[in-house]
Amino acid sequence: MWSVKTVTQLFKNSLSTGKFAAINTAGLKYFAPPIKYQNVEQPERPKLRIMERMPQLPPNLRPPKMQKRLRYMRGPEPVHNSLLHKQYAIVATGGGRLRWGHYEMMRLTIGRKMNVQTMFATWRVLVSWQLITKKGQGNA
């Protein structure tokens, strides 16, 4: 036969027996309307632009030969270390070298996930200016 029990009776019974019963309750939730951002201007191209695979030099200039200069791979960024629009960002905490594939992976992933009507993305990372070639196979 059916019996009506209060929530406290059910809770006391579940504590004494060691078995927990799930109690489903229905309620009305109020969600505040989303914040409007009228002061932020939407750029013409909301998605990230393509980064160049190699630095573009004038046709009469040969690419300079230089060392790797590992001292340029420092820690946190000293210049671009605050958010422009006070929203969201991907922040690097350590030094490293971004290759073209890293730029493409970030660009494609962010472009896939973003809503173009309400969002936009900007690069705050400089284009690679230093030519670094891969070491040929068979060379020690």
N, C-alpha and C. Protein backbone atom coordinates (compact mmCIF):
# COMPACT_ATOMS: atom_id res chain seq x y z
N MET A 1 0.84 -1.18 0.00
CA MET A 1 0.00 0.00 0.00
C MET A 1 0.89 1.24 0.00
N TRP A 2 0.38 2.31 -0.55
CA TRP A 2 1.11 3.57 -0.63
C TRP A 2 1.05 4.28 0.71
N SER A 3 2.16 4.89 1.08
CA SER A 3 2.15 5.71 2.29
C SER A 3 2.87 7.01 1.98
N VAL A 4 2.40 8.08 2.58
CA VAL A 4 2.98 9.40 2.36
C VAL A 4 3.92 9.71 3.51
N LYS A 5 5.18 10.04 3.19
CA LYS A 5 6.17 10.37 4.21
C LYS A 5 6.76 11.74 3.88
N THR A 6 7.16 12.43 4.89
CA THR A 6 7.80 13.73 4.67
C THR A 6 9.26 13.51 4.32
N VAL A 7 9.88 14.56 3.89
CA VAL A 7 11.29 14.49 3.49
C VAL A 7 12.16 14.17 4.70
N THR A 8 11.85 14.72 5.85
CA THR A 8 12.66 14.45 7.04
C THR A 8 12.55 13.00 7.47
N GLN A 9 11.35 12.40 7.34
CA GLN A 9 11.20 10.99 7.68
C GLN A 9 12.02 10.11 6.74
N LEU A 10 12.01 10.45 5.44
CA LEU A 10 12.79 9.70 4.48
C LEU A 10 14.29 9.83 4.76
N PHE A 11 14.72 11.03 5.11
CA PHE A 11 16.13 11.27 5.39
C PHE A 11 16.57 10.52 6.63
N LYS A 12 15.74 10.51 7.69
CA LYS A 12 16.08 9.78 8.92
C LYS A 12 16.14 8.28 8.65
N ASN A 13 15.19 7.76 7.87
CA ASN A 13 15.19 6.33 7.55
C ASN A 13 16.43 5.96 6.73
N SER A 14 16.84 6.82 5.79
CA SER A 14 18.00 6.50 4.97
C SER A 14 19.28 6.54 5.78
N LEU A 15 19.36 7.42 6.79
CA LEU A 15 20.55 7.47 7.63
C LEU A 15 20.62 6.25 8.54
N SER A 16 19.48 5.82 9.06
CA SER A 16 19.50 4.68 9.99
C SER A 16 19.79 3.37 9.26
N THR A 17 19.31 3.20 8.04
CA THR A 17 19.54 1.95 7.31
C THR A 17 20.85 1.98 6.52
N GLY A 18 21.40 3.12 6.28
CA GLY A 18 22.64 3.23 5.51
C GLY A 18 22.41 3.31 4.03
N LYS A 19 21.17 3.24 3.59
CA LYS A 19 20.85 3.36 2.17
C LYS A 19 20.32 4.76 1.90
N PHE A 20 20.79 5.34 0.83
CA PHE A 20 20.35 6.68 0.48
C PHE A 20 19.35 6.60 -0.65
N ALA A 21 18.27 7.31 -0.52
CA ALA A 21 17.25 7.35 -1.56
C ALA A 21 17.30 8.70 -2.26
N ALA A 22 17.19 8.69 -3.56
CA ALA A 22 17.17 9.93 -4.33
C ALA A 22 15.77 10.51 -4.31
N ILE A 23 15.66 11.77 -3.98
CA ILE A 23 14.37 12.44 -3.91
C ILE A 23 14.33 13.46 -5.03
N ASN A 24 13.40 13.30 -5.94
CA ASN A 24 13.26 14.23 -7.05
C ASN A 24 12.31 15.35 -6.64
N THR A 25 12.75 16.57 -6.83
CA THR A 25 11.89 17.71 -6.54
C THR A 25 11.85 18.59 -7.78
N ALA A 26 10.75 19.26 -7.95
CA ALA A 26 10.59 20.18 -9.07
C ALA A 26 10.55 21.60 -8.54
N GLY A 27 11.14 22.51 -9.26
CA GLY A 27 11.15 23.90 -8.84
C GLY A 27 11.22 24.82 -10.05
N LEU A 28 11.06 26.07 -9.82
CA LEU A 28 11.10 27.06 -10.88
C LEU A 28 12.38 27.86 -10.73
N LYS A 29 13.22 27.81 -11.74
CA LYS A 29 14.48 28.56 -11.71
C LYS A 29 14.32 29.84 -12.50
N TYR A 30 14.98 30.88 -12.01
CA TYR A 30 14.99 32.15 -12.71
C TYR A 30 16.41 32.42 -13.15
N PHE A 31 16.60 32.55 -14.46
CA PHE A 31 17.90 32.88 -15.00
C PHE A 31 17.88 34.34 -15.43
N ALA A 32 18.84 35.09 -14.93
CA ALA A 32 18.92 36.51 -15.28
C ALA A 32 19.24 36.65 -16.76
N PRO A 33 18.76 37.69 -17.41
CA PRO A 33 19.08 37.86 -18.84
C PRO A 33 20.57 38.11 -19.02
N PRO A 34 21.13 37.69 -20.16
CA PRO A 34 22.57 37.87 -20.38
C PRO A 34 22.94 39.34 -20.47
N ILE A 35 24.20 39.61 -20.14
CA ILE A 35 24.69 40.99 -20.15
C ILE A 35 24.86 41.46 -21.59
N LYS A 36 24.43 42.67 -21.88
CA LYS A 36 24.59 43.26 -23.21
C LYS A 36 25.92 44.03 -23.24
N TYR A 37 26.67 43.84 -24.29
CA TYR A 37 27.95 44.54 -24.45
C TYR A 37 27.83 45.52 -25.61
N GLN A 38 27.25 46.69 -25.35
CA GLN A 38 27.13 47.69 -26.40
C GLN A 38 28.43 48.45 -26.61
N ASN A 39 29.29 48.53 -25.59
CA ASN A 39 30.49 49.35 -25.68
C ASN A 39 31.62 48.64 -26.44
N VAL A 40 31.50 47.33 -26.73
CA VAL A 40 32.53 46.59 -27.45
C VAL A 40 32.18 46.58 -28.93
N GLU A 41 33.12 47.05 -29.76
CA GLU A 41 32.88 47.11 -31.20
C GLU A 41 33.30 45.79 -31.84
N GLN A 42 32.46 45.28 -32.71
CA GLN A 42 32.75 44.03 -33.43
C GLN A 42 33.63 44.36 -34.64
N PRO A 43 34.78 43.69 -34.79
CA PRO A 43 35.63 43.96 -35.97
C PRO A 43 35.00 43.39 -37.24
N GLU A 44 35.56 43.81 -38.39
CA GLU A 44 35.03 43.34 -39.68
C GLU A 44 35.20 41.84 -39.83
N ARG A 45 36.37 41.34 -39.50
CA ARG A 45 36.64 39.90 -39.58
C ARG A 45 36.72 39.34 -38.17
N PRO A 46 35.68 38.67 -37.68
CA PRO A 46 35.69 38.22 -36.29
C PRO A 46 36.62 37.04 -36.02
N LYS A 47 36.92 36.24 -37.05
CA LYS A 47 37.78 35.08 -36.82
C LYS A 47 39.25 35.47 -36.93
N LEU A 48 40.12 34.59 -36.41
CA LEU A 48 41.56 34.84 -36.45
C LEU A 48 42.08 34.74 -37.87
N ARG A 49 42.99 35.63 -38.23
CA ARG A 49 43.55 35.61 -39.57
C ARG A 49 44.65 34.55 -39.64
N ILE A 50 45.00 34.15 -40.84
CA ILE A 50 46.02 33.12 -41.04
C ILE A 50 47.40 33.72 -40.81
N MET A 51 48.22 33.03 -40.03
CA MET A 51 49.60 33.46 -39.83
C MET A 51 50.46 32.92 -40.97
N GLU A 52 51.48 33.67 -41.34
CA GLU A 52 52.36 33.25 -42.42
C GLU A 52 53.23 32.10 -41.95
N ARG A 53 53.47 31.17 -42.88
CA ARG A 53 54.30 30.02 -42.53
C ARG A 53 55.77 30.43 -42.37
N MET A 54 56.22 31.31 -43.23
CA MET A 54 57.58 31.84 -43.15
C MET A 54 57.50 33.36 -43.23
N PRO A 55 58.44 34.08 -42.63
CA PRO A 55 58.42 35.53 -42.76
C PRO A 55 58.61 35.95 -44.21
N GLN A 56 57.80 36.90 -44.66
CA GLN A 56 57.89 37.37 -46.05
C GLN A 56 58.95 38.46 -46.14
N LEU A 57 59.96 38.21 -46.94
CA LEU A 57 61.03 39.17 -47.15
C LEU A 57 60.89 39.77 -48.54
N PRO A 58 61.42 40.97 -48.77
CA PRO A 58 61.40 41.53 -50.12
C PRO A 58 62.15 40.62 -51.09
N PRO A 59 61.77 40.63 -52.37
CA PRO A 59 62.39 39.69 -53.32
C PRO A 59 63.89 39.91 -53.53
N ASN A 60 64.40 41.09 -53.28
CA ASN A 60 65.82 41.34 -53.51
C ASN A 60 66.67 41.03 -52.27
N LEU A 61 66.06 40.57 -51.19
CA LEU A 61 66.77 40.33 -49.93
C LEU A 61 66.84 38.83 -49.66
N ARG A 62 68.05 38.34 -49.38
CA ARG A 62 68.19 36.94 -48.99
C ARG A 62 67.89 36.79 -47.51
N PRO A 63 67.34 35.66 -47.09
CA PRO A 63 67.08 35.47 -45.66
C PRO A 63 68.39 35.42 -44.88
N PRO A 64 68.48 36.13 -43.77
CA PRO A 64 69.74 36.16 -43.03
C PRO A 64 69.99 34.83 -42.32
N LYS A 65 71.26 34.43 -42.26
CA LYS A 65 71.62 33.24 -41.51
C LYS A 65 71.92 33.68 -40.10
N MET A 66 71.32 32.99 -39.14
CA MET A 66 71.53 33.36 -37.75
C MET A 66 71.45 32.12 -36.88
N GLN A 67 71.88 32.29 -35.64
CA GLN A 67 71.79 31.19 -34.70
C GLN A 67 70.36 31.09 -34.18
N LYS A 68 70.10 30.04 -33.40
CA LYS A 68 68.75 29.85 -32.87
C LYS A 68 68.37 30.94 -31.86
N ARG A 69 69.34 31.43 -31.15
CA ARG A 69 69.12 32.47 -30.13
C ARG A 69 68.04 32.04 -29.14
N LEU A 70 68.37 31.02 -28.39
CA LEU A 70 67.42 30.46 -27.44
C LEU A 70 67.09 31.43 -26.30
N ARG A 71 67.87 32.49 -26.15
CA ARG A 71 67.58 33.45 -25.08
C ARG A 71 66.28 34.20 -25.35
N TYR A 72 65.80 34.17 -26.60
CA TYR A 72 64.53 34.83 -26.90
C TYR A 72 63.33 34.05 -26.39
N MET A 73 63.53 32.78 -26.05
CA MET A 73 62.44 31.98 -25.50
C MET A 73 62.43 32.17 -23.99
N ARG A 74 61.88 33.29 -23.58
CA ARG A 74 61.89 33.63 -22.17
C ARG A 74 60.59 33.19 -21.52
N GLY A 75 60.35 33.62 -20.30
CA GLY A 75 59.17 33.23 -19.54
C GLY A 75 57.94 34.03 -19.91
N PRO A 76 57.21 34.53 -18.92
CA PRO A 76 55.96 35.26 -19.20
C PRO A 76 56.20 36.51 -20.03
N GLU A 77 55.22 36.89 -20.79
CA GLU A 77 55.29 38.02 -21.71
C GLU A 77 55.37 39.34 -20.94
N PRO A 78 56.39 40.19 -21.19
CA PRO A 78 56.48 41.45 -20.45
C PRO A 78 55.59 42.57 -21.02
N VAL A 79 55.17 42.47 -22.30
CA VAL A 79 54.43 43.57 -22.94
C VAL A 79 52.93 43.29 -22.94
N HIS A 80 52.51 42.24 -23.62
CA HIS A 80 51.08 41.95 -23.76
C HIS A 80 50.64 41.03 -22.62
N ASN A 81 50.58 41.53 -21.41
CA ASN A 81 50.24 40.67 -20.27
C ASN A 81 48.92 41.06 -19.60
N SER A 82 48.10 41.88 -20.24
CA SER A 82 46.78 42.21 -19.70
C SER A 82 45.75 42.09 -20.82
N LEU A 83 44.50 41.84 -20.43
CA LEU A 83 43.45 41.65 -21.42
C LEU A 83 42.94 42.99 -21.92
N LEU A 84 42.71 43.09 -23.22
CA LEU A 84 42.21 44.34 -23.81
C LEU A 84 40.73 44.55 -23.49
N HIS A 85 39.92 43.52 -23.69
CA HIS A 85 38.48 43.65 -23.55
C HIS A 85 37.96 43.05 -22.26
N LYS A 86 38.84 42.64 -21.35
CA LYS A 86 38.49 42.10 -20.03
C LYS A 86 37.59 40.87 -20.15
N GLN A 87 37.88 39.99 -21.11
CA GLN A 87 37.04 38.81 -21.31
C GLN A 87 37.85 37.55 -21.04
N TYR A 88 38.19 36.79 -22.06
CA TYR A 88 38.87 35.52 -21.92
C TYR A 88 40.12 35.50 -22.75
N ALA A 89 41.10 34.68 -22.33
CA ALA A 89 42.35 34.61 -23.08
C ALA A 89 43.05 33.29 -22.78
N ILE A 90 43.94 32.91 -23.67
CA ILE A 90 44.85 31.79 -23.44
C ILE A 90 46.19 32.41 -23.08
N VAL A 91 46.70 32.10 -21.91
CA VAL A 91 47.92 32.73 -21.41
C VAL A 91 49.00 31.68 -21.25
N ALA A 92 50.17 31.95 -21.80
CA ALA A 92 51.32 31.06 -21.63
C ALA A 92 52.06 31.45 -20.36
N THR A 93 52.41 30.47 -19.55
CA THR A 93 53.11 30.76 -18.30
C THR A 93 54.62 30.54 -18.41
N GLY A 94 55.07 29.91 -19.48
CA GLY A 94 56.49 29.66 -19.65
C GLY A 94 56.93 29.97 -21.06
N GLY A 95 58.23 29.91 -21.28
CA GLY A 95 58.78 30.21 -22.59
C GLY A 95 58.66 29.03 -23.53
N GLY A 96 58.79 29.28 -24.80
CA GLY A 96 58.73 28.24 -25.81
C GLY A 96 58.67 28.87 -27.18
N ARG A 97 58.71 28.03 -28.21
CA ARG A 97 58.68 28.54 -29.57
C ARG A 97 57.45 27.98 -30.26
N LEU A 98 56.61 28.86 -30.78
CA LEU A 98 55.42 28.43 -31.51
C LEU A 98 55.78 28.21 -32.97
N ARG A 99 55.40 27.06 -33.48
CA ARG A 99 55.58 26.79 -34.89
C ARG A 99 54.30 27.13 -35.63
N TRP A 100 54.37 27.04 -36.95
CA TRP A 100 53.20 27.38 -37.76
C TRP A 100 52.03 26.44 -37.46
N GLY A 101 52.31 25.18 -37.21
CA GLY A 101 51.26 24.21 -36.90
C GLY A 101 50.53 24.55 -35.61
N HIS A 102 51.23 25.13 -34.64
CA HIS A 102 50.58 25.54 -33.39
C HIS A 102 49.61 26.69 -33.64
N TYR A 103 50.04 27.66 -34.47
CA TYR A 103 49.15 28.77 -34.82
C TYR A 103 47.88 28.26 -35.51
N GLU A 104 48.07 27.33 -36.47
CA GLU A 104 46.93 26.80 -37.22
C GLU A 104 45.99 26.03 -36.31
N MET A 105 46.54 25.23 -35.40
CA MET A 105 45.71 24.45 -34.49
C MET A 105 44.87 25.38 -33.61
N MET A 106 45.47 26.44 -33.09
CA MET A 106 44.71 27.39 -32.27
C MET A 106 43.65 28.11 -33.09
N ARG A 107 44.03 28.54 -34.29
CA ARG A 107 43.10 29.28 -35.14
C ARG A 107 41.89 28.44 -35.53
N LEU A 108 42.13 27.19 -35.93
CA LEU A 108 41.03 26.32 -36.35
C LEU A 108 40.14 25.92 -35.18
N THR A 109 40.74 25.64 -34.02
CA THR A 109 39.95 25.23 -32.86
C THR A 109 39.08 26.38 -32.37
N ILE A 110 39.66 27.56 -32.26
CA ILE A 110 38.88 28.72 -31.79
C ILE A 110 37.81 29.09 -32.81
N GLY A 111 38.16 29.03 -34.10
CA GLY A 111 37.17 29.34 -35.14
C GLY A 111 36.02 28.36 -35.17
N ARG A 112 36.28 27.11 -34.82
CA ARG A 112 35.23 26.09 -34.81
C ARG A 112 34.28 26.30 -33.64
N LYS A 113 34.78 26.75 -32.51
CA LYS A 113 33.98 26.84 -31.30
C LYS A 113 33.26 28.18 -31.13
N MET A 114 33.66 29.20 -31.87
CA MET A 114 33.10 30.52 -31.59
C MET A 114 31.85 30.81 -32.42
N ASN A 115 30.98 31.63 -31.86
CA ASN A 115 29.77 32.10 -32.53
C ASN A 115 30.12 33.45 -33.16
N VAL A 116 30.06 33.54 -34.49
CA VAL A 116 30.56 34.71 -35.20
C VAL A 116 29.66 35.93 -34.96
N GLN A 117 28.39 35.74 -34.65
CA GLN A 117 27.49 36.87 -34.43
C GLN A 117 27.78 37.59 -33.11
N THR A 118 28.24 36.85 -32.09
CA THR A 118 28.42 37.47 -30.77
C THR A 118 29.86 37.50 -30.29
N MET A 119 30.78 36.83 -30.99
CA MET A 119 32.17 36.75 -30.50
C MET A 119 33.14 37.20 -31.59
N PHE A 120 34.34 37.54 -31.15
CA PHE A 120 35.44 37.79 -32.07
C PHE A 120 36.75 37.43 -31.38
N ALA A 121 37.79 37.20 -32.17
CA ALA A 121 39.09 36.81 -31.63
C ALA A 121 40.17 37.65 -32.29
N THR A 122 41.21 37.95 -31.53
CA THR A 122 42.36 38.70 -32.05
C THR A 122 43.64 38.01 -31.62
N TRP A 123 44.66 38.08 -32.48
CA TRP A 123 45.99 37.57 -32.13
C TRP A 123 46.70 38.62 -31.29
N ARG A 124 47.32 38.22 -30.20
CA ARG A 124 48.21 39.10 -29.44
C ARG A 124 49.64 38.58 -29.49
N VAL A 125 49.88 37.59 -30.35
CA VAL A 125 51.21 37.00 -30.52
C VAL A 125 51.80 37.54 -31.81
N LEU A 126 53.07 37.90 -31.77
CA LEU A 126 53.72 38.42 -32.97
C LEU A 126 53.93 37.31 -33.99
N VAL A 127 53.96 37.69 -35.26
CA VAL A 127 54.25 36.74 -36.34
C VAL A 127 55.71 36.32 -36.21
N SER A 128 55.98 35.07 -36.55
CA SER A 128 57.36 34.60 -36.43
C SER A 128 58.27 35.38 -37.38
N TRP A 129 59.33 35.93 -36.86
CA TRP A 129 60.24 36.76 -37.66
C TRP A 129 61.56 36.06 -37.89
N GLN A 130 61.82 34.98 -37.13
CA GLN A 130 63.12 34.32 -37.22
C GLN A 130 62.97 33.03 -38.01
N LEU A 131 63.76 32.88 -39.04
CA LEU A 131 63.70 31.66 -39.85
C LEU A 131 64.40 30.53 -39.12
N ILE A 132 63.68 29.45 -38.91
CA ILE A 132 64.29 28.26 -38.30
C ILE A 132 63.94 27.09 -39.19
N THR A 133 64.97 26.44 -39.73
CA THR A 133 64.74 25.32 -40.64
C THR A 133 64.87 24.01 -39.87
N LYS A 134 64.26 23.00 -40.41
CA LYS A 134 64.37 21.67 -39.78
C LYS A 134 65.72 21.08 -40.12
N LYS A 135 66.20 20.25 -39.22
CA LYS A 135 67.47 19.57 -39.46
C LYS A 135 67.22 18.42 -40.42
N GLY A 136 68.05 18.29 -41.43
CA GLY A 136 67.88 17.22 -42.42
C GLY A 136 68.06 15.85 -41.81
N GLN A 137 67.39 14.84 -42.37
CA GLN A 137 67.53 13.48 -41.87
C GLN A 137 68.91 12.94 -42.22
N GLY A 138 69.45 12.15 -41.33
CA GLY A 138 70.76 11.56 -41.55
C GLY A 138 71.89 12.42 -41.04
N ASN A 139 71.59 13.64 -40.60
CA ASN A 139 72.63 14.51 -40.04
C ASN A 139 72.63 14.34 -38.53
N ALA A 140 73.77 14.18 -37.95
CA ALA A 140 73.84 13.99 -36.51
C ALA A 140 73.75 15.27 -35.75
